Amino acid sequence: MEMKLNINALIQEREKRAWTQSHLAELCNLSLRTIQRIEKSGVSSKESASALASVYELELEKLVKKTPLDKSNQIQSIRIRIVM
């Protein structure tokens, strides 16, 4: 399953620790190319995202990109509020 991660959060977490991408790859047991791809695209497998969160000592949700609700979710949310 692919996940969309927040690129800025990923890079910020790595840089605040003064880690290179190579060092992060070693800590996560991922390839350097995988780290480069994730930081560029924000797309990751759940396993890779979990490894990053673990190394950063963060909840996975802190790295997941927040997306606005699509229209169908917004309509459903409005219906729920009206009914209640």
PDB file of N, CA and C in Angstrom:
ATOM      1  N   MET A   1       0.845  -1.185   0.000  1.00  0.00           N
ATOM      2  CA  MET A   1       0.000   0.000   0.000  1.00  0.00           C
ATOM      3  C   MET A   1       0.886   1.244   0.000  1.00  0.00           C
ATOM      4  N   GLU A   2       0.629   2.137  -0.933  1.00  0.00           N
ATOM      5  CA  GLU A   2       1.406   3.368  -1.001  1.00  0.00           C
ATOM      6  C   GLU A   2       0.815   4.428  -0.094  1.00  0.00           C
ATOM      7  N   MET A   3       1.700   5.248   0.443  1.00  0.00           N
ATOM      8  CA  MET A   3       1.281   6.347   1.307  1.00  0.00           C
ATOM      9  C   MET A   3       1.883   7.641   0.765  1.00  0.00           C
ATOM     10  N   LYS A   4       1.189   8.732   0.965  1.00  0.00           N
ATOM     11  CA  LYS A   4       1.692  10.048   0.579  1.00  0.00           C
ATOM     12  C   LYS A   4       2.200  10.723   1.853  1.00  0.00           C
ATOM     13  N   LEU A   5       3.494  11.022   1.875  1.00  0.00           N
ATOM     14  CA  LEU A   5       4.123  11.630   3.046  1.00  0.00           C
ATOM     15  C   LEU A   5       4.397  13.106   2.809  1.00  0.00           C
ATOM     16  N   ASN A   6       4.513  13.837   3.893  1.00  0.00           N
ATOM     17  CA  ASN A   6       4.821  15.260   3.849  1.00  0.00           C
ATOM     18  C   ASN A   6       6.322  15.424   3.615  1.00  0.00           C
ATOM     19  N   ILE A   7       6.688  15.836   2.423  1.00  0.00           N
ATOM     20  CA  ILE A   7       8.095  15.965   2.045  1.00  0.00           C
ATOM     21  C   ILE A   7       8.819  16.937   2.966  1.00  0.00           C
ATOM     22  N   ASN A   8       8.197  18.063   3.249  1.00  0.00           N
ATOM     23  CA  ASN A   8       8.843  19.067   4.103  1.00  0.00           C
ATOM     24  C   ASN A   8       9.128  18.512   5.499  1.00  0.00           C
ATOM     25  N   ALA A   9       8.190  17.770   6.051  1.00  0.00           N
ATOM     26  CA  ALA A   9       8.380  17.177   7.383  1.00  0.00           C
ATOM     27  C   ALA A   9       9.522  16.159   7.355  1.00  0.00           C
ATOM     28  N   LEU A  10       9.579  15.357   6.301  1.00  0.00           N
ATOM     29  CA  LEU A  10      10.641  14.358   6.182  1.00  0.00           C
ATOM     30  C   LEU A  10      12.019  15.006   6.164  1.00  0.00           C
ATOM     31  N   ILE A  11      12.167  15.992   5.311  1.00  0.00           N
ATOM     32  CA  ILE A  11      13.466  16.657   5.172  1.00  0.00           C
ATOM     33  C   ILE A  11      13.812  17.434   6.431  1.00  0.00           C
ATOM     34  N   GLN A  12      12.830  18.100   7.004  1.00  0.00           N
ATOM     35  CA  GLN A  12      13.055  18.877   8.227  1.00  0.00           C
ATOM     36  C   GLN A  12      13.518  17.977   9.375  1.00  0.00           C
ATOM     37  N   GLU A  13      12.896  16.832   9.539  1.00  0.00           N
ATOM     38  CA  GLU A  13      13.290  15.905  10.598  1.00  0.00           C
ATOM     39  C   GLU A  13      14.722  15.415  10.387  1.00  0.00           C
ATOM     40  N   ARG A  14      15.064  15.112   9.151  1.00  0.00           N
ATOM     41  CA  ARG A  14      16.428  14.642   8.856  1.00  0.00           C
ATOM     42  C   ARG A  14      17.444  15.745   9.098  1.00  0.00           C
ATOM     43  N   GLU A  15      17.147  16.948   8.620  1.00  0.00           N
ATOM     44  CA  GLU A  15      18.099  18.054   8.740  1.00  0.00           C
ATOM     45  C   GLU A  15      18.261  18.543  10.176  1.00  0.00           C
ATOM     46  N   LYS A  16      17.219  18.479  10.992  1.00  0.00           N
ATOM     47  CA  LYS A  16      17.374  18.937  12.371  1.00  0.00           C
ATOM     48  C   LYS A  16      18.279  17.997  13.171  1.00  0.00           C
ATOM     49  N   ARG A  17      18.456  16.780  12.665  1.00  0.00           N
ATOM     50  CA  ARG A  17      19.380  15.834  13.280  1.00  0.00           C
ATOM     51  C   ARG A  17      20.759  15.872  12.616  1.00  0.00           C
ATOM     52  N   ALA A  18      20.878  16.682  11.576  1.00  0.00           N
ATOM     53  CA  ALA A  18      22.117  16.819  10.798  1.00  0.00           C
ATOM     54  C   ALA A  18      22.544  15.474  10.197  1.00  0.00           C
ATOM     55  N   TRP A  19      21.547  14.703   9.729  1.00  0.00           N
ATOM     56  CA  TRP A  19      21.825  13.422   9.099  1.00  0.00           C
ATOM     57  C   TRP A  19      21.852  13.591   7.593  1.00  0.00           C
ATOM     58  N   THR A  20      22.724  12.863   6.955  1.00  0.00           N
ATOM     59  CA  THR A  20      22.705  12.804   5.496  1.00  0.00           C
ATOM     60  C   THR A  20      21.654  11.776   5.077  1.00  0.00           C
ATOM     61  N   GLN A  21      21.305  11.799   3.822  1.00  0.00           N
ATOM     62  CA  GLN A  21      20.389  10.791   3.315  1.00  0.00           C
ATOM     63  C   GLN A  21      20.996   9.398   3.453  1.00  0.00           C
ATOM     64  N   SER A  22      22.296   9.295   3.265  1.00  0.00           N
ATOM     65  CA  SER A  22      22.980   8.000   3.404  1.00  0.00           C
ATOM     66  C   SER A  22      22.875   7.467   4.823  1.00  0.00           C
ATOM     67  N   HIS A  23      23.090   8.354   5.788  1.00  0.00           N
ATOM     68  CA  HIS A  23      23.010   7.944   7.187  1.00  0.00           C
ATOM     69  C   HIS A  23      21.589   7.498   7.532  1.00  0.00           C
ATOM     70  N   LEU A  24      20.594   8.264   7.082  1.00  0.00           N
ATOM     71  CA  LEU A  24      19.202   7.908   7.318  1.00  0.00           C
ATOM     72  C   LEU A  24      18.880   6.552   6.696  1.00  0.00           C
ATOM     73  N   ALA A  25      19.365   6.322   5.498  1.00  0.00           N
ATOM     74  CA  ALA A  25      19.127   5.042   4.821  1.00  0.00           C
ATOM     75  C   ALA A  25      19.682   3.881   5.650  1.00  0.00           C
ATOM     76  N   GLU A  26      20.883   4.047   6.183  1.00  0.00           N
ATOM     77  CA  GLU A  26      21.476   2.999   7.020  1.00  0.00           C
ATOM     78  C   GLU A  26      20.628   2.744   8.265  1.00  0.00           C
ATOM     79  N   LEU A  27      20.202   3.820   8.935  1.00  0.00           N
ATOM     80  CA  LEU A  27      19.409   3.672  10.152  1.00  0.00           C
ATOM     81  C   LEU A  27      18.071   2.976   9.891  1.00  0.00           C
ATOM     82  N   CYS A  28      17.481   3.259   8.739  1.00  0.00           N
ATOM     83  CA  CYS A  28      16.174   2.688   8.381  1.00  0.00           C
ATOM     84  C   CYS A  28      16.292   1.324   7.709  1.00  0.00           C
ATOM     85  N   ASN A  29      17.516   0.939   7.382  1.00  0.00           N
ATOM     86  CA  ASN A  29      17.744  -0.287   6.620  1.00  0.00           C
ATOM     87  C   ASN A  29      17.044  -0.225   5.267  1.00  0.00           C
ATOM     88  N   LEU A  30      17.142   0.961   4.640  1.00  0.00           N
ATOM     89  CA  LEU A  30      16.618   1.193   3.301  1.00  0.00           C
ATOM     90  C   LEU A  30      17.776   1.612   2.403  1.00  0.00           C
ATOM     91  N   SER A  31      17.569   1.559   1.105  1.00  0.00           N
ATOM     92  CA  SER A  31      18.625   2.011   0.196  1.00  0.00           C
ATOM     93  C   SER A  31      18.631   3.542   0.127  1.00  0.00           C
ATOM     94  N   LEU A  32      19.793   4.075  -0.223  1.00  0.00           N
ATOM     95  CA  LEU A  32      19.905   5.521  -0.423  1.00  0.00           C
ATOM     96  C   LEU A  32      18.922   5.970  -1.492  1.00  0.00           C
ATOM     97  N   ARG A  33      18.798   5.203  -2.553  1.00  0.00           N
ATOM     98  CA  ARG A  33      17.884   5.550  -3.650  1.00  0.00           C
ATOM     99  C   ARG A  33      16.436   5.632  -3.160  1.00  0.00           C
ATOM    100  N   THR A  34      16.059   4.758  -2.231  1.00  0.00           N
ATOM    101  CA  THR A  34      14.702   4.787  -1.681  1.00  0.00           C
ATOM    102  C   THR A  34      14.472   6.081  -0.907  1.00  0.00           C
ATOM    103  N   ILE A  35      15.430   6.466  -0.080  1.00  0.00           N
ATOM    104  CA  ILE A  35      15.319   7.719   0.681  1.00  0.00           C
ATOM    105  C   ILE A  35      15.217   8.896  -0.275  1.00  0.00           C
ATOM    106  N   GLN A  36      16.054   8.917  -1.310  1.00  0.00           N
ATOM    107  CA  GLN A  36      16.024  10.006  -2.289  1.00  0.00           C
ATOM    108  C   GLN A  36      14.664  10.079  -2.979  1.00  0.00           C
ATOM    109  N   ARG A  37      14.126   8.935  -3.362  1.00  0.00           N
ATOM    110  CA  ARG A  37      12.837   8.892  -4.052  1.00  0.00           C
ATOM    111  C   ARG A  37      11.710   9.369  -3.136  1.00  0.00           C
ATOM    112  N   ILE A  38      11.722   8.922  -1.891  1.00  0.00           N
ATOM    113  CA  ILE A  38      10.669   9.334  -0.958  1.00  0.00           C
ATOM    114  C   ILE A  38      10.736  10.830  -0.701  1.00  0.00           C
ATOM    115  N   GLU A  39      11.943  11.366  -0.493  1.00  0.00           N
ATOM    116  CA  GLU A  39      12.075  12.806  -0.237  1.00  0.00           C
ATOM    117  C   GLU A  39      11.723  13.641  -1.459  1.00  0.00           C
ATOM    118  N   LYS A  40      11.856  13.076  -2.636  1.00  0.00           N
ATOM    119  CA  LYS A  40      11.519  13.827  -3.848  1.00  0.00           C
ATOM    120  C   LYS A  40      10.028  13.750  -4.168  1.00  0.00           C
ATOM    121  N   SER A  41       9.453  12.550  -4.065  1.00  0.00           N
ATOM    122  CA  SER A  41       8.059  12.357  -4.491  1.00  0.00           C
ATOM    123  C   SER A  41       7.054  12.376  -3.341  1.00  0.00           C
ATOM    124  N   GLY A  42       7.509  12.014  -2.153  1.00  0.00           N
ATOM    125  CA  GLY A  42       6.603  11.902  -1.021  1.00  0.00           C
ATOM    126  C   GLY A  42       5.833  10.598  -0.998  1.00  0.00           C
ATOM    127  N   VAL A  43       6.079   9.736  -1.967  1.00  0.00           N
ATOM    128  CA  VAL A  43       5.384   8.454  -2.047  1.00  0.00           C
ATOM    129  C   VAL A  43       6.253   7.372  -1.417  1.00  0.00           C
ATOM    130  N   SER A  44       5.626   6.571  -0.566  1.00  0.00           N
ATOM    131  CA  SER A  44       6.356   5.553   0.165  1.00  0.00           C
ATOM    132  C   SER A  44       5.464   4.349   0.414  1.00  0.00           C
ATOM    133  N   SER A  45       6.079   3.205   0.584  1.00  0.00           N
ATOM    134  CA  SER A  45       5.317   2.051   1.060  1.00  0.00           C
ATOM    135  C   SER A  45       5.057   2.260   2.549  1.00  0.00           C
ATOM    136  N   LYS A  46       4.087   1.550   3.071  1.00  0.00           N
ATOM    137  CA  LYS A  46       3.795   1.671   4.502  1.00  0.00           C
ATOM    138  C   LYS A  46       4.993   1.196   5.327  1.00  0.00           C
ATOM    139  N   GLU A  47       5.681   0.185   4.854  1.00  0.00           N
ATOM    140  CA  GLU A  47       6.841  -0.352   5.569  1.00  0.00           C
ATOM    141  C   GLU A  47       7.971   0.677   5.651  1.00  0.00           C
ATOM    142  N   SER A  48       8.252   1.346   4.537  1.00  0.00           N
ATOM    143  CA  SER A  48       9.299   2.371   4.530  1.00  0.00           C
ATOM    144  C   SER A  48       8.905   3.561   5.389  1.00  0.00           C
ATOM    145  N   ALA A  49       7.642   3.969   5.300  1.00  0.00           N
ATOM    146  CA  ALA A  49       7.152   5.084   6.114  1.00  0.00           C
ATOM    147  C   ALA A  49       7.243   4.745   7.599  1.00  0.00           C
ATOM    148  N   SER A  50       6.916   3.518   7.944  1.00  0.00           N
ATOM    149  CA  SER A  50       7.005   3.082   9.342  1.00  0.00           C
ATOM    150  C   SER A  50       8.450   3.080   9.824  1.00  0.00           C
ATOM    151  N   ALA A  51       9.371   2.681   8.954  1.00  0.00           N
ATOM    152  CA  ALA A  51      10.792   2.694   9.311  1.00  0.00           C
ATOM    153  C   ALA A  51      11.269   4.121   9.562  1.00  0.00           C
ATOM    154  N   LEU A  52      10.850   5.045   8.716  1.00  0.00           N
ATOM    155  CA  LEU A  52      11.220   6.454   8.902  1.00  0.00           C
ATOM    156  C   LEU A  52      10.651   6.993  10.217  1.00  0.00           C
ATOM    157  N   ALA A  53       9.389   6.734  10.472  1.00  0.00           N
ATOM    158  CA  ALA A  53       8.758   7.208  11.705  1.00  0.00           C
ATOM    159  C   ALA A  53       9.463   6.630  12.928  1.00  0.00           C
ATOM    160  N   SER A  54       9.825   5.376  12.856  1.00  0.00           N
ATOM    161  CA  SER A  54      10.504   4.725  13.973  1.00  0.00           C
ATOM    162  C   SER A  54      11.866   5.367  14.254  1.00  0.00           C
ATOM    163  N   VAL A  55      12.627   5.590  13.206  1.00  0.00           N
ATOM    164  CA  VAL A  55      13.953   6.198  13.361  1.00  0.00           C
ATOM    165  C   VAL A  55      13.838   7.629  13.883  1.00  0.00           C
ATOM    166  N   TYR A  56      12.816   8.344  13.439  1.00  0.00           N
ATOM    167  CA  TYR A  56      12.598   9.717  13.906  1.00  0.00           C
ATOM    168  C   TYR A  56      11.891   9.761  15.263  1.00  0.00           C
ATOM    169  N   GLU A  57      11.483   8.584  15.766  1.00  0.00           N
ATOM    170  CA  GLU A  57      10.753   8.482  17.030  1.00  0.00           C
ATOM    171  C   GLU A  57       9.479   9.336  17.012  1.00  0.00           C
ATOM    172  N   LEU A  58       8.724   9.183  15.913  1.00  0.00           N
ATOM    173  CA  LEU A  58       7.473   9.909  15.716  1.00  0.00           C
ATOM    174  C   LEU A  58       6.355   8.924  15.419  1.00  0.00           C
ATOM    175  N   GLU A  59       5.132   9.357  15.673  1.00  0.00           N
ATOM    176  CA  GLU A  59       3.975   8.588  15.219  1.00  0.00           C
ATOM    177  C   GLU A  59       3.925   8.711  13.699  1.00  0.00           C
ATOM    178  N   LEU A  60       3.537   7.659  13.024  1.00  0.00           N
ATOM    179  CA  LEU A  60       3.469   7.658  11.559  1.00  0.00           C
ATOM    180  C   LEU A  60       2.601   8.802  11.051  1.00  0.00           C
ATOM    181  N   GLU A  61       1.531   9.112  11.752  1.00  0.00           N
ATOM    182  CA  GLU A  61       0.608  10.174  11.333  1.00  0.00           C
ATOM    183  C   GLU A  61       1.304  11.532  11.224  1.00  0.00           C
ATOM    184  N   LYS A  62       2.383  11.744  11.953  1.00  0.00           N
ATOM    185  CA  LYS A  62       3.113  13.021  11.897  1.00  0.00           C
ATOM    186  C   LYS A  62       3.813  13.213  10.555  1.00  0.00           C
ATOM    187  N   LEU A  63       4.065  12.110   9.839  1.00  0.00           N
ATOM    188  CA  LEU A  63       4.747  12.192   8.551  1.00  0.00           C
ATOM    189  C   LEU A  63       3.797  12.112   7.363  1.00  0.00           C
ATOM    190  N   VAL A  64       2.578  11.690   7.604  1.00  0.00           N
ATOM    191  CA  VAL A  64       1.608  11.540   6.516  1.00  0.00           C
ATOM    192  C   VAL A  64       1.113  12.908   6.071  1.00  0.00           C
ATOM    193  N   LYS A  65       1.044  13.086   4.753  1.00  0.00           N
ATOM    194  CA  LYS A  65       0.580  14.357   4.196  1.00  0.00           C
ATOM    195  C   LYS A  65      -0.895  14.533   4.475  1.00  0.00           C
ATOM    196  N   LYS A  66      -1.225  15.682   5.004  1.00  0.00           N
ATOM    197  CA  LYS A  66      -2.630  15.999   5.282  1.00  0.00           C
ATOM    198  C   LYS A  66      -3.270  16.475   3.988  1.00  0.00           C
ATOM    199  N   THR A  67      -4.380  15.842   3.609  1.00  0.00           N
ATOM    200  CA  THR A  67      -5.079  16.236   2.397  1.00  0.00           C
ATOM    201  C   THR A  67      -6.459  16.745   2.773  1.00  0.00           C
ATOM    202  N   PRO A  68      -6.926  17.774   2.093  1.00  0.00           N
ATOM    203  CA  PRO A  68      -8.272  18.274   2.379  1.00  0.00           C
ATOM    204  C   PRO A  68      -9.306  17.216   2.018  1.00  0.00           C
ATOM    205  N   LEU A  69     -10.407  17.247   2.703  1.00  0.00           N
ATOM    206  CA  LEU A  69     -11.484  16.304   2.400  1.00  0.00           C
ATOM    207  C   LEU A  69     -11.962  16.509   0.972  1.00  0.00           C
ATOM    208  N   ASP A  70     -12.243  15.409   0.302  1.00  0.00           N
ATOM    209  CA  ASP A  70     -12.833  15.588  -1.028  1.00  0.00           C
ATOM    210  C   ASP A  70     -14.310  15.956  -0.868  1.00  0.00           C
ATOM    211  N   LYS A  71     -14.947  16.356  -1.940  1.00  0.00           N
ATOM    212  CA  LYS A  71     -16.325  16.862  -1.878  1.00  0.00           C
ATOM    213  C   LYS A  71     -17.298  15.837  -1.295  1.00  0.00           C
ATOM    214  N   SER A  72     -17.150  14.570  -1.626  1.00  0.00           N
ATOM    215  CA  SER A  72     -18.086  13.570  -1.102  1.00  0.00           C
ATOM    216  C   SER A  72     -17.963  13.460   0.411  1.00  0.00           C
ATOM    217  N   ASN A  73     -16.736  13.554   0.940  1.00  0.00           N
ATOM    218  CA  ASN A  73     -16.554  13.525   2.392  1.00  0.00           C
ATOM    219  C   ASN A  73     -17.114  14.786   3.036  1.00  0.00           C
ATOM    220  N   GLN A  74     -16.969  15.920   2.373  1.00  0.00           N
ATOM    221  CA  GLN A  74     -17.491  17.168   2.913  1.00  0.00           C
ATOM    222  C   GLN A  74     -19.019  17.110   2.984  1.00  0.00           C
ATOM    223  N   ILE A  75     -19.643  16.594   1.934  1.00  0.00           N
ATOM    224  CA  ILE A  75     -21.104  16.486   1.905  1.00  0.00           C
ATOM    225  C   ILE A  75     -21.577  15.541   3.002  1.00  0.00           C
ATOM    226  N   GLN A  76     -20.905  14.405   3.151  1.00  0.00           N
ATOM    227  CA  GLN A  76     -21.267  13.446   4.187  1.00  0.00           C
ATOM    228  C   GLN A  76     -21.123  14.084   5.561  1.00  0.00           C
ATOM    229  N   SER A  77     -20.054  14.850   5.766  1.00  0.00           N
ATOM    230  CA  SER A  77     -19.826  15.519   7.049  1.00  0.00           C
ATOM    231  C   SER A  77     -20.946  16.519   7.340  1.00  0.00           C
ATOM    232  N   ILE A  78     -21.383  17.252   6.325  1.00  0.00           N
ATOM    233  CA  ILE A  78     -22.470  18.220   6.491  1.00  0.00           C
ATOM    234  C   ILE A  78     -23.765  17.485   6.831  1.00  0.00           C
ATOM    235  N   ARG A  79     -24.035  16.379   6.152  1.00  0.00           N
ATOM    236  CA  ARG A  79     -25.251  15.611   6.428  1.00  0.00           C
ATOM    237  C   ARG A  79     -25.264  15.116   7.874  1.00  0.00           C
ATOM    238  N   ILE A  80     -24.136  14.652   8.344  1.00  0.00           N
ATOM    239  CA  ILE A  80     -24.058  14.151   9.709  1.00  0.00           C
ATOM    240  C   ILE A  80     -24.357  15.275  10.697  1.00  0.00           C
ATOM    241  N   ARG A  81     -23.797  16.455  10.453  1.00  0.00           N
ATOM    242  CA  ARG A  81     -24.039  17.591  11.355  1.00  0.00           C
ATOM    243  C   ARG A  81     -25.504  18.013  11.341  1.00  0.00           C
ATOM    244  N   ILE A  82     -26.151  17.970  10.189  1.00  0.00           N
ATOM    245  CA  ILE A  82     -27.555  18.382  10.089  1.00  0.00           C
ATOM    246  C   ILE A  82     -28.448  17.379  10.825  1.00  0.00           C
ATOM    247  N   VAL A  83     -28.157  16.116  10.679  1.00  0.00           N
ATOM    248  CA  VAL A  83     -28.965  15.075  11.302  1.00  0.00           C
ATOM    249  C   VAL A  83     -28.832  15.136  12.812  1.00  0.00           C
ATOM    250  N   MET A  84     -27.677  15.436  13.309  1.00  0.00           N
ATOM    251  CA  MET A  84     -27.460  15.453  14.759  1.00  0.00           C
ATOM    252  C   MET A  84     -28.006  16.720  15.280  1.00  0.00           C
TER     253      MET A  84
END
